[in-house]
Amino acid sequence: MKVAIHAVGRMKAGPEKELADRYLDRFSKSGGPLGLDFSGVAEISESRAQNVDERRREEADRLRAQMVSGTALILLDERGKNLSSQQFADKIASLRDGGQRGLMIAIGGPDGHDEALRNEAQMLISFGAATWPHQMVRIMLGEQLYRAATILSGHPYHRA
């Protein structure tokens, strides 16, 4: 299953980008043998539309344009489920084992995700009740993807 990240906003060079890239590189190397092929991060700039609903809709349309048929969608959203690392790994494995050809995990912009896109998603996930900066979310997602691969492979990185 191809796994991709869609992010509204760009990571600038610096320690946050380096750490996110390090975890995504680890996931890329450890996920392949498990049938989880990392296809990268697609970054789009924030919409410049005049109001919140238009910005969300435009960003959602740009995400849909990148999705290939047969791709499951998981949105990172403040109203989503707060999963344990094991539950996150199990969800990814379930999608893979259920025949999904791809998985797109989307990080929204400052205005969040479009309501219609939220309704289309297979799952909404939250990294807690706090609001996190985009750069931190990218790091946490990279680490959780790497951790999921280690959990699924039986590697001792995850010590639950």
C-alpha atoms as a PDB file:
ATOM      1  CA  MET A   1       0.000   0.000   0.000  1.00  0.00           C
ATOM      2  CA  LYS A   2       1.361   3.398  -0.943  1.00  0.00           C
ATOM      3  CA  VAL A   3       1.351   5.823   1.991  1.00  0.00           C
ATOM      4  CA  ALA A   4       1.484   9.551   1.323  1.00  0.00           C
ATOM      5  CA  ILE A   5       1.173  12.718   3.366  1.00  0.00           C
ATOM      6  CA  HIS A   6      -0.683  15.766   2.107  1.00  0.00           C
ATOM      7  CA  ALA A   7       0.103  18.981   3.969  1.00  0.00           C
ATOM      8  CA  VAL A   8      -1.263  22.484   3.673  1.00  0.00           C
ATOM      9  CA  GLY A   9       1.765  24.682   4.273  1.00  0.00           C
ATOM     10  CA  ARG A  10       5.447  24.250   3.679  1.00  0.00           C
ATOM     11  CA  MET A  11       8.183  23.221   6.085  1.00  0.00           C
ATOM     12  CA  LYS A  12      11.071  25.650   6.069  1.00  0.00           C
ATOM     13  CA  ALA A  13      14.636  24.456   6.470  1.00  0.00           C
ATOM     14  CA  GLY A  14      15.619  23.994  10.088  1.00  0.00           C
ATOM     15  CA  PRO A  15      15.641  21.506  12.941  1.00  0.00           C
ATOM     16  CA  GLU A  16      11.904  20.748  12.680  1.00  0.00           C
ATOM     17  CA  LYS A  17      12.211  19.796   9.008  1.00  0.00           C
ATOM     18  CA  GLU A  18      15.320  17.739   9.719  1.00  0.00           C
ATOM     19  CA  LEU A  19      13.551  15.782  12.469  1.00  0.00           C
ATOM     20  CA  ALA A  20      10.410  15.214  10.378  1.00  0.00           C
ATOM     21  CA  ASP A  21      12.571  14.068   7.451  1.00  0.00           C
ATOM     22  CA  ARG A  22      14.543  11.733   9.724  1.00  0.00           C
ATOM     23  CA  TYR A  23      11.394   9.941  10.923  1.00  0.00           C
ATOM     24  CA  LEU A  24       9.905   9.792   7.427  1.00  0.00           C
ATOM     25  CA  ASP A  25      13.170   8.345   6.101  1.00  0.00           C
ATOM     26  CA  ARG A  26      13.077   5.705   8.840  1.00  0.00           C
ATOM     27  CA  PHE A  27       9.474   4.904   7.924  1.00  0.00           C
ATOM     28  CA  SER A  28      10.393   4.700   4.242  1.00  0.00           C
ATOM     29  CA  LYS A  29      13.115   2.146   5.000  1.00  0.00           C
ATOM     30  CA  SER A  30      11.182   0.067   7.534  1.00  0.00           C
ATOM     31  CA  GLY A  31       7.749   0.192   5.901  1.00  0.00           C
ATOM     32  CA  GLY A  32       8.680  -1.272   2.516  1.00  0.00           C
ATOM     33  CA  PRO A  33       9.181  -4.845   3.716  1.00  0.00           C
ATOM     34  CA  LEU A  34       5.764  -4.613   5.405  1.00  0.00           C
ATOM     35  CA  GLY A  35       3.975  -3.561   2.225  1.00  0.00           C
ATOM     36  CA  LEU A  36       3.903   0.107   3.288  1.00  0.00           C
ATOM     37  CA  ASP A  37       5.619   2.081   0.542  1.00  0.00           C
ATOM     38  CA  PHE A  38       6.133   5.718   1.479  1.00  0.00           C
ATOM     39  CA  SER A  39       5.513   7.899  -1.560  1.00  0.00           C
ATOM     40  CA  GLY A  40       6.392  11.204   0.068  1.00  0.00           C
ATOM     41  CA  VAL A  41       4.907  14.477   1.237  1.00  0.00           C
ATOM     42  CA  ALA A  42       2.864  16.686  -1.057  1.00  0.00           C
ATOM     43  CA  GLU A  43       2.883  20.254   0.184  1.00  0.00           C
ATOM     44  CA  ILE A  44       0.421  22.830  -1.041  1.00  0.00           C
ATOM     45  CA  SER A  45       0.299  26.492  -0.141  1.00  0.00           C
ATOM     46  CA  GLU A  46      -2.585  27.852   1.897  1.00  0.00           C
ATOM     47  CA  SER A  47      -5.569  29.053  -0.086  1.00  0.00           C
ATOM     48  CA  ARG A  48      -5.857  32.813  -0.492  1.00  0.00           C
ATOM     49  CA  ALA A  49      -9.650  32.768  -0.818  1.00  0.00           C
ATOM     50  CA  GLN A  50     -11.540  35.520   0.966  1.00  0.00           C
ATOM     51  CA  ASN A  51     -13.410  33.476   3.578  1.00  0.00           C
ATOM     52  CA  VAL A  52     -12.841  30.380   5.679  1.00  0.00           C
ATOM     53  CA  ASP A  53     -15.332  28.127   3.860  1.00  0.00           C
ATOM     54  CA  GLU A  54     -13.860  28.991   0.467  1.00  0.00           C
ATOM     55  CA  ARG A  55     -10.311  28.386   1.724  1.00  0.00           C
ATOM     56  CA  ARG A  56     -11.257  24.988   3.160  1.00  0.00           C
ATOM     57  CA  ARG A  57     -13.113  24.010  -0.013  1.00  0.00           C
ATOM     58  CA  GLU A  58     -10.241  25.057  -2.269  1.00  0.00           C
ATOM     59  CA  GLU A  59      -7.679  23.163  -0.164  1.00  0.00           C
ATOM     60  CA  ALA A  60      -9.936  20.079  -0.150  1.00  0.00           C
ATOM     61  CA  ASP A  61     -10.264  20.213  -3.944  1.00  0.00           C
ATOM     62  CA  ARG A  62      -6.495  20.347  -4.282  1.00  0.00           C
ATOM     63  CA  LEU A  63      -6.148  17.310  -2.021  1.00  0.00           C
ATOM     64  CA  ARG A  64      -8.767  15.347  -3.992  1.00  0.00           C
ATOM     65  CA  ALA A  65      -6.902  16.146  -7.215  1.00  0.00           C
ATOM     66  CA  GLN A  66      -3.834  14.348  -5.824  1.00  0.00           C
ATOM     67  CA  MET A  67      -5.662  11.225  -4.697  1.00  0.00           C
ATOM     68  CA  VAL A  68      -5.602   8.117  -6.845  1.00  0.00           C
ATOM     69  CA  SER A  69      -8.652   5.846  -6.996  1.00  0.00           C
ATOM     70  CA  GLY A  70      -8.538   3.214  -4.261  1.00  0.00           C
ATOM     71  CA  THR A  71      -6.841   5.510  -1.753  1.00  0.00           C
ATOM     72  CA  ALA A  72      -8.095   5.683   1.826  1.00  0.00           C
ATOM     73  CA  LEU A  73      -8.108   9.098   3.466  1.00  0.00           C
ATOM     74  CA  ILE A  74      -7.212   9.830   7.074  1.00  0.00           C
ATOM     75  CA  LEU A  75      -7.452  13.429   8.237  1.00  0.00           C
ATOM     76  CA  LEU A  76      -5.565  14.837  11.176  1.00  0.00           C
ATOM     77  CA  ASP A  77      -8.273  16.846  12.877  1.00  0.00           C
ATOM     78  CA  GLU A  78      -8.774  18.296  16.347  1.00  0.00           C
ATOM     79  CA  ARG A  79     -12.181  16.578  16.540  1.00  0.00           C
ATOM     80  CA  GLY A  80     -10.769  13.194  15.576  1.00  0.00           C
ATOM     81  CA  LYS A  81     -10.141  10.091  17.660  1.00  0.00           C
ATOM     82  CA  ASN A  82      -7.142  10.080  19.932  1.00  0.00           C
ATOM     83  CA  LEU A  83      -5.522   6.724  19.133  1.00  0.00           C
ATOM     84  CA  SER A  84      -2.765   4.870  20.902  1.00  0.00           C
ATOM     85  CA  SER A  85       0.272   4.010  18.801  1.00  0.00           C
ATOM     86  CA  GLN A  86      -0.878   0.384  18.710  1.00  0.00           C
ATOM     87  CA  GLN A  87      -4.334   1.404  17.484  1.00  0.00           C
ATOM     88  CA  PHE A  88      -2.770   3.611  14.804  1.00  0.00           C
ATOM     89  CA  ALA A  89      -0.566   0.728  13.640  1.00  0.00           C
ATOM     90  CA  ASP A  90      -3.567  -1.629  13.655  1.00  0.00           C
ATOM     91  CA  LYS A  91      -5.591   0.824  11.520  1.00  0.00           C
ATOM     92  CA  ILE A  92      -2.831   1.066   8.942  1.00  0.00           C
ATOM     93  CA  ALA A  93      -2.447  -2.724   8.883  1.00  0.00           C
ATOM     94  CA  SER A  94      -6.204  -3.167   8.551  1.00  0.00           C
ATOM     95  CA  LEU A  95      -6.341  -0.847   5.545  1.00  0.00           C
ATOM     96  CA  ARG A  96      -3.354  -2.590   3.946  1.00  0.00           C
ATOM     97  CA  ASP A  97      -4.684  -6.074   4.638  1.00  0.00           C
ATOM     98  CA  GLY A  98      -8.160  -5.049   3.457  1.00  0.00           C
ATOM     99  CA  GLY A  99      -6.819  -4.370  -0.022  1.00  0.00           C
ATOM    100  CA  GLN A 100      -6.437  -0.580   0.011  1.00  0.00           C
ATOM    101  CA  ARG A 101      -4.021   0.427  -2.717  1.00  0.00           C
ATOM    102  CA  GLY A 102      -3.109   3.687  -1.054  1.00  0.00           C
ATOM    103  CA  LEU A 103      -3.403   5.759   2.083  1.00  0.00           C
ATOM    104  CA  MET A 104      -3.357   9.543   2.163  1.00  0.00           C
ATOM    105  CA  ILE A 105      -2.904  11.192   5.555  1.00  0.00           C
ATOM    106  CA  ALA A 106      -3.757  14.887   5.416  1.00  0.00           C
ATOM    107  CA  ILE A 107      -2.633  17.759   7.609  1.00  0.00           C
ATOM    108  CA  GLY A 108      -4.964  20.702   7.159  1.00  0.00           C
ATOM    109  CA  GLY A 109      -4.200  24.384   7.089  1.00  0.00           C
ATOM    110  CA  PRO A 110      -4.871  26.972   9.793  1.00  0.00           C
ATOM    111  CA  ASP A 111      -8.612  26.834   9.049  1.00  0.00           C
ATOM    112  CA  GLY A 112      -8.818  23.043   9.308  1.00  0.00           C
ATOM    113  CA  HIS A 113     -10.531  20.692   6.848  1.00  0.00           C
ATOM    114  CA  ASP A 114     -13.616  21.187   4.701  1.00  0.00           C
ATOM    115  CA  GLU A 115     -16.738  19.539   6.175  1.00  0.00           C
ATOM    116  CA  ALA A 116     -17.415  17.558   2.983  1.00  0.00           C
ATOM    117  CA  LEU A 117     -13.841  16.224   3.039  1.00  0.00           C
ATOM    118  CA  ARG A 118     -14.250  15.279   6.699  1.00  0.00           C
ATOM    119  CA  ASN A 119     -17.329  13.250   5.708  1.00  0.00           C
ATOM    120  CA  GLU A 120     -15.386  11.463   2.940  1.00  0.00           C
ATOM    121  CA  ALA A 121     -12.499  10.420   5.200  1.00  0.00           C
ATOM    122  CA  GLN A 122     -12.222   6.861   6.500  1.00  0.00           C
ATOM    123  CA  MET A 123     -11.033   8.239   9.834  1.00  0.00           C
ATOM    124  CA  LEU A 124     -10.318  11.463  11.680  1.00  0.00           C
ATOM    125  CA  ILE A 125      -7.347  11.305  14.040  1.00  0.00           C
ATOM    126  CA  SER A 126      -6.278  13.798  16.687  1.00  0.00           C
ATOM    127  CA  PHE A 127      -2.902  14.112  18.382  1.00  0.00           C
ATOM    128  CA  GLY A 128      -4.641  15.343  21.517  1.00  0.00           C
ATOM    129  CA  ALA A 129      -6.862  18.195  22.626  1.00  0.00           C
ATOM    130  CA  ALA A 130      -4.145  20.831  22.281  1.00  0.00           C
ATOM    131  CA  THR A 131      -3.602  22.758  19.062  1.00  0.00           C
ATOM    132  CA  TRP A 132      -0.180  21.956  17.578  1.00  0.00           C
ATOM    133  CA  PRO A 133       1.899  23.970  15.121  1.00  0.00           C
ATOM    134  CA  HIS A 134       2.059  22.482  11.622  1.00  0.00           C
ATOM    135  CA  GLN A 135       5.762  21.666  12.002  1.00  0.00           C
ATOM    136  CA  MET A 136       5.179  19.695  15.203  1.00  0.00           C
ATOM    137  CA  VAL A 137       2.293  17.764  13.662  1.00  0.00           C
ATOM    138  CA  ARG A 138       4.522  16.755  10.759  1.00  0.00           C
ATOM    139  CA  ILE A 139       7.183  15.514  13.200  1.00  0.00           C
ATOM    140  CA  MET A 140       4.635  13.619  15.307  1.00  0.00           C
ATOM    141  CA  LEU A 141       3.049  12.027  12.230  1.00  0.00           C
ATOM    142  CA  GLY A 142       6.442  10.953  10.890  1.00  0.00           C
ATOM    143  CA  GLU A 143       7.347   9.434  14.235  1.00  0.00           C
ATOM    144  CA  GLN A 144       3.994   7.640  14.527  1.00  0.00           C
ATOM    145  CA  LEU A 145       4.334   6.193  11.014  1.00  0.00           C
ATOM    146  CA  TYR A 146       7.814   4.933  11.874  1.00  0.00           C
ATOM    147  CA  ARG A 147       6.541   3.580  15.195  1.00  0.00           C
ATOM    148  CA  ALA A 148       3.645   1.837  13.406  1.00  0.00           C
ATOM    149  CA  ALA A 149       6.119   0.097  11.108  1.00  0.00           C
ATOM    150  CA  THR A 150       8.203  -1.047  14.081  1.00  0.00           C
ATOM    151  CA  ILE A 151       5.106  -2.305  15.888  1.00  0.00           C
ATOM    152  CA  LEU A 152       3.948  -4.256  12.833  1.00  0.00           C
ATOM    153  CA  SER A 153       7.399  -5.767  12.348  1.00  0.00           C
ATOM    154  CA  GLY A 154       7.871  -6.709  16.009  1.00  0.00           C
ATOM    155  CA  HIS A 155      10.866  -4.365  16.384  1.00  0.00           C
ATOM    156  CA  PRO A 156      11.607  -3.339  20.002  1.00  0.00           C
ATOM    157  CA  TYR A 157      11.468   0.446  19.315  1.00  0.00           C
ATOM    158  CA  HIS A 158       7.923   0.529  20.730  1.00  0.00           C
ATOM    159  CA  ARG A 159       7.922  -0.584  24.345  1.00  0.00           C
ATOM    160  CA  ALA A 160       4.305  -0.588  25.459  1.00  0.00           C
END
